PDB file of N, CA and C in Angstrom:
ATOM      1  N   MET A   1     142.672  19.463  55.403  1.00  0.00           N
ATOM      2  CA  MET A   1     142.581  20.726  54.679  1.00  0.00           C
ATOM      3  C   MET A   1     142.986  21.897  55.576  1.00  0.00           C
ATOM      4  N   SER A   2     142.860  21.719  56.884  1.00  0.00           N
ATOM      5  CA  SER A   2     143.228  22.807  57.789  1.00  0.00           C
ATOM      6  C   SER A   2     144.723  23.104  57.715  1.00  0.00           C
ATOM      7  N   GLY A   3     145.524  22.100  57.340  1.00  0.00           N
ATOM      8  CA  GLY A   3     146.956  22.328  57.176  1.00  0.00           C
ATOM      9  C   GLY A   3     147.217  23.323  56.053  1.00  0.00           C
ATOM     10  N   ARG A   4     146.433  23.226  54.990  1.00  0.00           N
ATOM     11  CA  ARG A   4     146.571  24.167  53.872  1.00  0.00           C
ATOM     12  C   ARG A   4     146.164  25.567  54.315  1.00  0.00           C
ATOM     13  N   ARG A   5     145.108  25.658  55.129  1.00  0.00           N
ATOM     14  CA  ARG A   5     144.664  26.964  55.633  1.00  0.00           C
ATOM     15  C   ARG A   5     145.776  27.615  56.467  1.00  0.00           C
ATOM     16  N   GLU A   6     146.385  26.832  57.354  1.00  0.00           N
ATOM     17  CA  GLU A   6     147.472  27.358  58.184  1.00  0.00           C
ATOM     18  C   GLU A   6     148.641  27.815  57.319  1.00  0.00           C
ATOM     19  N   GLU A   7     148.956  27.022  56.308  1.00  0.00           N
ATOM     20  CA  GLU A   7     150.049  27.364  55.396  1.00  0.00           C
ATOM     21  C   GLU A   7     149.758  28.687  54.675  1.00  0.00           C
ATOM     22  N   LEU A   8     148.535  28.842  54.192  1.00  0.00           N
ATOM     23  CA  LEU A   8     148.156  30.074  53.501  1.00  0.00           C
ATOM     24  C   LEU A   8     148.169  31.268  54.443  1.00  0.00           C
ATOM     25  N   GLU A   9     147.726  31.071  55.673  1.00  0.00           N
ATOM     26  CA  GLU A   9     147.730  32.169  56.648  1.00  0.00           C
ATOM     27  C   GLU A   9     149.158  32.632  56.932  1.00  0.00           C
ATOM     28  N   LYS A  10     150.090  31.683  57.032  1.00  0.00           N
ATOM     29  CA  LYS A  10     151.502  32.034  57.243  1.00  0.00           C
ATOM     30  C   LYS A  10     152.052  32.785  56.032  1.00  0.00           C
ATOM     31  N   GLU A  11     151.730  32.286  54.820  1.00  0.00           N
ATOM     32  CA  GLU A  11     152.190  32.945  53.596  1.00  0.00           C
ATOM     33  C   GLU A  11     151.637  34.360  53.507  1.00  0.00           C
ATOM     34  N   LEU A  12     150.377  34.527  53.887  1.00  0.00           N
ATOM     35  CA  LEU A  12     149.736  35.842  53.852  1.00  0.00           C
ATOM     36  C   LEU A  12     150.426  36.804  54.822  1.00  0.00           C
ATOM     37  N   GLU A  13     150.704  36.310  56.011  1.00  0.00           N
ATOM     38  CA  GLU A  13     151.382  37.126  57.014  1.00  0.00           C
ATOM     39  C   GLU A  13     152.775  37.547  56.532  1.00  0.00           C
ATOM     40  N   LEU A  14     153.510  36.615  55.948  1.00  0.00           N
ATOM     41  CA  LEU A  14     154.848  36.926  55.442  1.00  0.00           C
ATOM     42  C   LEU A  14     154.794  37.924  54.285  1.00  0.00           C
ATOM     43  N   ALA A  15     153.809  37.756  53.405  1.00  0.00           N
ATOM     44  CA  ALA A  15     153.672  38.667  52.268  1.00  0.00           C
ATOM     45  C   ALA A  15     153.349  40.079  52.750  1.00  0.00           C
ATOM     46  N   LYS A  16     152.462  40.194  53.717  1.00  0.00           N
ATOM     47  CA  LYS A  16     152.117  41.516  54.280  1.00  0.00           C
ATOM     48  C   LYS A  16     153.346  42.157  54.921  1.00  0.00           C
ATOM     49  N   LYS A  17     154.077  41.356  55.686  1.00  0.00           N
ATOM     50  CA  LYS A  17     155.262  41.866  56.374  1.00  0.00           C
ATOM     51  C   LYS A  17     156.310  42.340  55.367  1.00  0.00           C
ATOM     52  N   ARG A  18     156.492  41.579  54.287  1.00  0.00           N
ATOM     53  CA  ARG A  18     157.477  41.939  53.264  1.00  0.00           C
ATOM     54  C   ARG A  18     157.129  43.294  52.647  1.00  0.00           C
ATOM     55  N   ILE A  19     155.856  43.517  52.376  1.00  0.00           N
ATOM     56  CA  ILE A  19     155.422  44.785  51.793  1.00  0.00           C
ATOM     57  C   ILE A  19     155.565  45.917  52.811  1.00  0.00           C
ATOM     58  N   ASP A  20     155.094  45.669  54.027  1.00  0.00           N
ATOM     59  CA  ASP A  20     155.132  46.703  55.074  1.00  0.00           C
ATOM     60  C   ASP A  20     156.552  47.122  55.434  1.00  0.00           C
ATOM     61  N   GLU A  21     157.486  46.177  55.375  1.00  0.00           N
ATOM     62  CA  GLU A  21     158.853  46.451  55.799  1.00  0.00           C
ATOM     63  C   GLU A  21     159.810  46.693  54.635  1.00  0.00           C
ATOM     64  N   ALA A  22     159.264  46.834  53.450  1.00  0.00           N
ATOM     65  CA  ALA A  22     160.116  47.053  52.280  1.00  0.00           C
ATOM     66  C   ALA A  22     160.829  48.400  52.389  1.00  0.00           C
ATOM     67  N   PRO A  23     162.112  48.435  52.023  1.00  0.00           N
ATOM     68  CA  PRO A  23     162.838  49.711  52.023  1.00  0.00           C
ATOM     69  C   PRO A  23     162.167  50.708  51.068  1.00  0.00           C
ATOM     70  N   LYS A  24     162.323  51.981  51.367  1.00  0.00           N
ATOM     71  CA  LYS A  24     161.690  53.021  50.549  1.00  0.00           C
ATOM     72  C   LYS A  24     162.180  53.008  49.104  1.00  0.00           C
ATOM     73  N   ASP A  25     163.372  52.496  48.874  1.00  0.00           N
ATOM     74  CA  ASP A  25     163.910  52.477  47.513  1.00  0.00           C
ATOM     75  C   ASP A  25     163.580  51.179  46.757  1.00  0.00           C
ATOM     76  N   THR A  26     162.658  50.378  47.292  1.00  0.00           N
ATOM     77  CA  THR A  26     162.234  49.159  46.605  1.00  0.00           C
ATOM     78  C   THR A  26     161.525  49.552  45.312  1.00  0.00           C
ATOM     79  N   PRO A  27     161.899  48.954  44.197  1.00  0.00           N
ATOM     80  CA  PRO A  27     161.255  49.294  42.921  1.00  0.00           C
ATOM     81  C   PRO A  27     159.741  49.084  42.965  1.00  0.00           C
ATOM     82  N   HIS A  28     159.031  50.022  42.353  1.00  0.00           N
ATOM     83  CA  HIS A  28     157.572  49.976  42.333  1.00  0.00           C
ATOM     84  C   HIS A  28     157.066  48.667  41.727  1.00  0.00           C
ATOM     85  N   ALA A  29     157.725  48.184  40.686  1.00  0.00           N
ATOM     86  CA  ALA A  29     157.310  46.948  40.035  1.00  0.00           C
ATOM     87  C   ALA A  29     157.382  45.756  41.000  1.00  0.00           C
ATOM     88  N   LEU A  30     158.369  45.762  41.875  1.00  0.00           N
ATOM     89  CA  LEU A  30     158.508  44.683  42.851  1.00  0.00           C
ATOM     90  C   LEU A  30     157.385  44.748  43.884  1.00  0.00           C
ATOM     91  N   ILE A  31     157.081  45.943  44.352  1.00  0.00           N
ATOM     92  CA  ILE A  31     155.971  46.122  45.294  1.00  0.00           C
ATOM     93  C   ILE A  31     154.658  45.661  44.646  1.00  0.00           C
ATOM     94  N   GLU A  32     154.475  45.992  43.385  1.00  0.00           N
ATOM     95  CA  GLU A  32     153.262  45.560  42.664  1.00  0.00           C
ATOM     96  C   GLU A  32     153.198  44.038  42.580  1.00  0.00           C
ATOM     97  N   ALA A  33     154.315  43.398  42.300  1.00  0.00           N
ATOM     98  CA  ALA A  33     154.358  41.933  42.215  1.00  0.00           C
ATOM     99  C   ALA A  33     154.026  41.318  43.571  1.00  0.00           C
ATOM    100  N   TRP A  34     154.590  41.867  44.626  1.00  0.00           N
ATOM    101  CA  TRP A  34     154.302  41.367  45.963  1.00  0.00           C
ATOM    102  C   TRP A  34     152.833  41.570  46.319  1.00  0.00           C
ATOM    103  N   THR A  35     152.267  42.690  45.905  1.00  0.00           N
ATOM    104  CA  THR A  35     150.859  42.973  46.176  1.00  0.00           C
ATOM    105  C   THR A  35     149.965  41.985  45.432  1.00  0.00           C
ATOM    106  N   LYS A  36     150.322  41.670  44.198  1.00  0.00           N
ATOM    107  CA  LYS A  36     149.551  40.670  43.434  1.00  0.00           C
ATOM    108  C   LYS A  36     149.637  39.310  44.116  1.00  0.00           C
ATOM    109  N   GLU A  37     150.825  38.972  44.618  1.00  0.00           N
ATOM    110  CA  GLU A  37     150.991  37.708  45.336  1.00  0.00           C
ATOM    111  C   GLU A  37     150.117  37.700  46.587  1.00  0.00           C
ATOM    112  N   LEU A  38     150.104  38.812  47.311  1.00  0.00           N
ATOM    113  CA  LEU A  38     149.280  38.948  48.508  1.00  0.00           C
ATOM    114  C   LEU A  38     147.803  38.764  48.164  1.00  0.00           C
ATOM    115  N   ASP A  39     147.359  39.406  47.097  1.00  0.00           N
ATOM    116  CA  ASP A  39     145.970  39.285  46.661  1.00  0.00           C
ATOM    117  C   ASP A  39     145.635  37.844  46.290  1.00  0.00           C
ATOM    118  N   SER A  40     146.556  37.183  45.617  1.00  0.00           N
ATOM    119  CA  SER A  40     146.347  35.800  45.202  1.00  0.00           C
ATOM    120  C   SER A  40     146.224  34.865  46.408  1.00  0.00           C
ATOM    121  N   ILE A  41     147.111  35.037  47.371  1.00  0.00           N
ATOM    122  CA  ILE A  41     147.069  34.218  48.585  1.00  0.00           C
ATOM    123  C   ILE A  41     145.769  34.481  49.336  1.00  0.00           C
ATOM    124  N   SER A  42     145.405  35.745  49.453  1.00  0.00           N
ATOM    125  CA  SER A  42     144.184  36.126  50.149  1.00  0.00           C
ATOM    126  C   SER A  42     142.959  35.523  49.468  1.00  0.00           C
ATOM    127  N   PHE A  43     142.930  35.594  48.140  1.00  0.00           N
ATOM    128  CA  PHE A  43     141.821  35.022  47.371  1.00  0.00           C
ATOM    129  C   PHE A  43     141.718  33.518  47.609  1.00  0.00           C
ATOM    130  N   GLU A  44     142.852  32.830  47.538  1.00  0.00           N
ATOM    131  CA  GLU A  44     142.850  31.385  47.736  1.00  0.00           C
ATOM    132  C   GLU A  44     142.383  31.028  49.143  1.00  0.00           C
ATOM    133  N   LEU A  45     142.859  31.782  50.126  1.00  0.00           N
ATOM    134  CA  LEU A  45     142.471  31.539  51.511  1.00  0.00           C
ATOM    135  C   LEU A  45     140.970  31.760  51.699  1.00  0.00           C
ATOM    136  N   ASN A  46     140.446  32.815  51.128  1.00  0.00           N
ATOM    137  CA  ASN A  46     139.021  33.131  51.266  1.00  0.00           C
ATOM    138  C   ASN A  46     138.133  32.118  50.561  1.00  0.00           C
ATOM    139  N   ASN A  47     138.668  31.427  49.556  1.00  0.00           N
ATOM    140  CA  ASN A  47     137.881  30.470  48.790  1.00  0.00           C
ATOM    141  C   ASN A  47     138.230  29.015  49.100  1.00  0.00           C
ATOM    142  N   LEU A  48     138.997  28.832  50.163  1.00  0.00           N
ATOM    143  CA  LEU A  48     139.401  27.484  50.549  1.00  0.00           C
ATOM    144  C   LEU A  48     138.189  26.695  51.043  1.00  0.00           C
ATOM    145  N   TYR A  49     138.048  25.503  50.555  1.00  0.00           N
ATOM    146  CA  TYR A  49     136.939  24.636  50.955  1.00  0.00           C
ATOM    147  C   TYR A  49     137.383  23.790  52.130  1.00  0.00           C
ATOM    148  N   ASP A  50     136.667  23.935  53.235  1.00  0.00           N
ATOM    149  CA  ASP A  50     136.973  23.128  54.427  1.00  0.00           C
ATOM    150  C   ASP A  50     135.937  22.039  54.583  1.00  0.00           C
ATOM    151  N   ASP A  51     136.364  20.794  54.443  1.00  0.00           N
ATOM    152  CA  ASP A  51     135.447  19.667  54.590  1.00  0.00           C
ATOM    153  C   ASP A  51     134.771  19.657  55.959  1.00  0.00           C
ATOM    154  N   GLU A  52     135.546  19.986  57.006  1.00  0.00           N
ATOM    155  CA  GLU A  52     135.008  19.939  58.354  1.00  0.00           C
ATOM    156  C   GLU A  52     133.879  20.955  58.560  1.00  0.00           C
ATOM    157  N   GLU A  53     134.014  22.137  57.956  1.00  0.00           N
ATOM    158  CA  GLU A  53     133.016  23.192  58.127  1.00  0.00           C
ATOM    159  C   GLU A  53     131.746  22.898  57.350  1.00  0.00           C
ATOM    160  N   ASN A  54     131.847  22.088  56.310  1.00  0.00           N
ATOM    161  CA  ASN A  54     130.709  21.876  55.417  1.00  0.00           C
ATOM    162  C   ASN A  54     130.060  20.503  55.547  1.00  0.00           C
ATOM    163  N   ASP A  55     130.437  19.732  56.544  1.00  0.00           N
ATOM    164  CA  ASP A  55     129.821  18.410  56.744  1.00  0.00           C
ATOM    165  C   ASP A  55     128.535  18.526  57.520  1.00  0.00           C
TER     166      ASP A  55
END
Protein backbone atom coordinates (compact mmCIF):
# COMPACT_ATOMS: atom_id res chain seq x y z
CA MET A 1 0.00 0.00 0.00
CA SER A 2 2.97 2.31 0.52
CA GLY A 3 3.50 2.26 -3.25
CA ARG A 4 0.08 3.86 -3.68
CA ARG A 5 0.96 6.49 -1.06
CA GLU A 6 4.17 7.37 -2.93
CA GLU A 7 2.25 7.54 -6.20
CA LEU A 8 -0.34 9.89 -4.69
CA GLU A 9 2.35 12.08 -3.14
CA LYS A 10 4.02 12.44 -6.56
CA GLU A 11 0.66 13.23 -8.20
CA LEU A 12 -0.06 15.82 -5.50
CA GLU A 13 3.31 17.46 -6.00
CA LEU A 14 2.83 17.60 -9.78
CA ALA A 15 -0.69 19.01 -9.42
CA LYS A 16 0.53 21.75 -7.06
CA LYS A 17 3.40 22.60 -9.39
CA ARG A 18 1.07 22.78 -12.41
CA ILE A 19 -1.18 25.26 -10.60
CA ASP A 20 1.70 27.31 -9.16
CA GLU A 21 3.48 27.56 -12.50
CA ALA A 22 0.44 28.12 -14.69
CA PRO A 23 0.74 31.07 -17.08
CA LYS A 24 -1.28 34.13 -16.09
CA ASP A 25 -3.49 33.70 -19.15
CA THR A 26 -4.55 30.16 -18.16
CA PRO A 27 -8.35 29.97 -18.31
CA HIS A 28 -10.04 30.16 -14.92
CA ALA A 29 -12.04 27.00 -15.66
CA LEU A 30 -8.81 25.06 -16.19
CA ILE A 31 -7.33 26.30 -12.91
CA GLU A 32 -10.57 25.27 -11.18
CA ALA A 33 -10.36 21.79 -12.72
CA TRP A 34 -6.76 21.42 -11.61
CA THR A 35 -7.69 22.60 -8.12
CA LYS A 36 -10.48 20.01 -7.92
CA GLU A 37 -7.98 17.35 -9.03
CA LEU A 38 -5.56 18.55 -6.34
CA ASP A 39 -8.31 18.37 -3.71
CA SER A 40 -9.28 14.88 -4.85
CA ILE A 41 -5.71 13.59 -4.69
CA SER A 42 -5.22 15.21 -1.30
CA PHE A 43 -8.45 13.67 0.01
CA GLU A 44 -7.48 10.22 -1.23
CA LEU A 45 -4.01 10.53 0.27
CA ASN A 46 -5.37 11.67 3.63
CA ASN A 47 -7.83 8.76 3.71
CA LEU A 48 -5.45 6.08 2.48
CA TYR A 49 -5.52 2.98 4.65
CA ASP A 50 -2.07 1.68 5.50
CA ASP A 51 -2.05 -1.93 6.64
CA GLU A 52 1.39 -1.51 8.20
CA GLU A 53 0.32 1.45 10.36
CA ASN A 54 -2.82 -0.28 11.61
CA ASP A 55 -1.50 -3.75 12.49
